[in-house]
C-alpha atoms as a PDB file:
ATOM      1  CA  MET A   1     -19.896   7.470  17.779  1.00  0.00           C
ATOM      2  CA  ASN A   2     -18.592   4.025  18.597  1.00  0.00           C
ATOM      3  CA  LYS A   3     -20.554   1.427  16.684  1.00  0.00           C
ATOM      4  CA  GLU A   4     -20.100  -2.204  17.537  1.00  0.00           C
ATOM      5  CA  ARG A   5     -19.915  -4.908  14.922  1.00  0.00           C
ATOM      6  CA  TYR A   6     -23.303  -5.537  13.362  1.00  0.00           C
ATOM      7  CA  LYS A   7     -24.865  -7.944  10.910  1.00  0.00           C
ATOM      8  CA  GLU A   8     -27.034  -6.935   7.985  1.00  0.00           C
ATOM      9  CA  GLU A   9     -29.354  -9.510   6.473  1.00  0.00           C
ATOM     10  CA  TYR A  10     -30.760  -9.308   2.947  1.00  0.00           C
ATOM     11  CA  GLU A  11     -33.791 -10.941   1.362  1.00  0.00           C
ATOM     12  CA  GLU A  12     -31.620 -12.871  -1.090  1.00  0.00           C
ATOM     13  CA  GLY A  13     -30.170 -14.795   1.829  1.00  0.00           C
ATOM     14  CA  SER A  14     -26.779 -13.102   2.030  1.00  0.00           C
ATOM     15  CA  ASP A  15     -25.535 -11.677   5.314  1.00  0.00           C
ATOM     16  CA  LEU A  16     -22.926  -8.966   5.752  1.00  0.00           C
ATOM     17  CA  LEU A  17     -20.938  -8.579   8.945  1.00  0.00           C
ATOM     18  CA  TRP A  18     -19.755  -4.986   9.304  1.00  0.00           C
ATOM     19  CA  PRO A  19     -16.695  -4.159  11.455  1.00  0.00           C
ATOM     20  CA  SER A  20     -16.849  -1.985  14.533  1.00  0.00           C
ATOM     21  CA  ASP A  21     -15.472   1.561  14.341  1.00  0.00           C
ATOM     22  CA  LYS A  22     -12.323   0.499  16.203  1.00  0.00           C
ATOM     23  CA  GLU A  23     -11.669  -2.424  13.825  1.00  0.00           C
ATOM     24  CA  ASP A  24     -12.345  -0.193  10.829  1.00  0.00           C
ATOM     25  CA  LYS A  25      -9.911   2.460  12.082  1.00  0.00           C
ATOM     26  CA  ILE A  26      -7.165  -0.136  12.641  1.00  0.00           C
ATOM     27  CA  THR A  27      -7.728  -1.685   9.207  1.00  0.00           C
ATOM     28  CA  ARG A  28      -7.602   1.697   7.477  1.00  0.00           C
ATOM     29  CA  GLN A  29      -4.386   2.612   9.312  1.00  0.00           C
ATOM     30  CA  PHE A  30      -2.815  -0.718   8.302  1.00  0.00           C
ATOM     31  CA  TYR A  31      -3.540  -0.145   4.615  1.00  0.00           C
ATOM     32  CA  LYS A  32      -2.364   3.469   4.836  1.00  0.00           C
ATOM     33  CA  ASP A  33       0.951   2.331   6.357  1.00  0.00           C
ATOM     34  CA  LEU A  34       1.277  -0.437   3.791  1.00  0.00           C
ATOM     35  CA  SER A  35       0.710   2.052   0.990  1.00  0.00           C
ATOM     36  CA  ARG A  36       3.403   4.372   2.357  1.00  0.00           C
ATOM     37  CA  LEU A  37       5.897   1.510   2.619  1.00  0.00           C
ATOM     38  CA  THR A  38       5.337   0.377  -0.958  1.00  0.00           C
ATOM     39  CA  LYS A  39       5.692   3.941  -2.227  1.00  0.00           C
ATOM     40  CA  LYS A  40       8.996   4.345  -0.384  1.00  0.00           C
ATOM     41  CA  GLU A  41      10.268   1.001  -1.658  1.00  0.00           C
ATOM     42  CA  THR A  42       9.315   1.865  -5.239  1.00  0.00           C
ATOM     43  CA  SER A  43      11.002   5.238  -4.887  1.00  0.00           C
ATOM     44  CA  ASN A  44      14.201   3.657  -3.562  1.00  0.00           C
ATOM     45  CA  ASN A  45      14.244   1.099  -6.376  1.00  0.00           C
ATOM     46  CA  THR A  46      13.840   3.866  -8.951  1.00  0.00           C
ATOM     47  CA  LYS A  47      16.735   5.808  -7.432  1.00  0.00           C
ATOM     48  CA  ARG A  48      18.924   2.697  -7.485  1.00  0.00           C
ATOM     49  CA  LEU A  49      18.002   1.999 -11.090  1.00  0.00           C
ATOM     50  CA  ASN A  50      18.754   5.585 -12.103  1.00  0.00           C
ATOM     51  CA  PHE A  51      22.101   5.411 -10.320  1.00  0.00           C
ATOM     52  CA  PHE A  52      22.918   2.125 -12.052  1.00  0.00           C
ATOM     53  CA  LEU A  53      21.991   3.581 -15.451  1.00  0.00           C
ATOM     54  CA  LEU A  54      24.140   6.627 -14.747  1.00  0.00           C
ATOM     55  CA  LEU A  55      27.108   4.386 -13.959  1.00  0.00           C
ATOM     56  CA  LEU A  56      26.587   2.439 -17.163  1.00  0.00           C
ATOM     57  CA  SER A  57      26.441   5.613 -19.234  1.00  0.00           C
ATOM     58  CA  ILE A  58      29.687   6.867 -17.615  1.00  0.00           C
ATOM     59  CA  ILE A  59      31.423   3.551 -18.338  1.00  0.00           C
ATOM     60  CA  LYS A  60      30.261   3.612 -21.962  1.00  0.00           C
ATOM     61  CA  PHE A  61      31.389   7.230 -22.335  1.00  0.00           C
ATOM     62  CA  LYS A  62      34.902   6.479 -21.025  1.00  0.00           C
ATOM     63  CA  LYS A  63      35.362   3.536 -23.402  1.00  0.00           C
ATOM     64  CA  PHE A  64      34.893   5.726 -26.463  1.00  0.00           C
END
């Protein structure tokens, strides 16, 4: 089922232009990839923060 782009008109005067199946698939893949990248980046930042906090706790422990 390969739908082409189509336009839907409503009585209120608004028109909607729907993407084709190919455009929709590409858009969904883009947002899926973007979501994965942000999750990885957030995970890496959390690991770095935890490592930094661990170092600070070790430094504080050695001072006392």
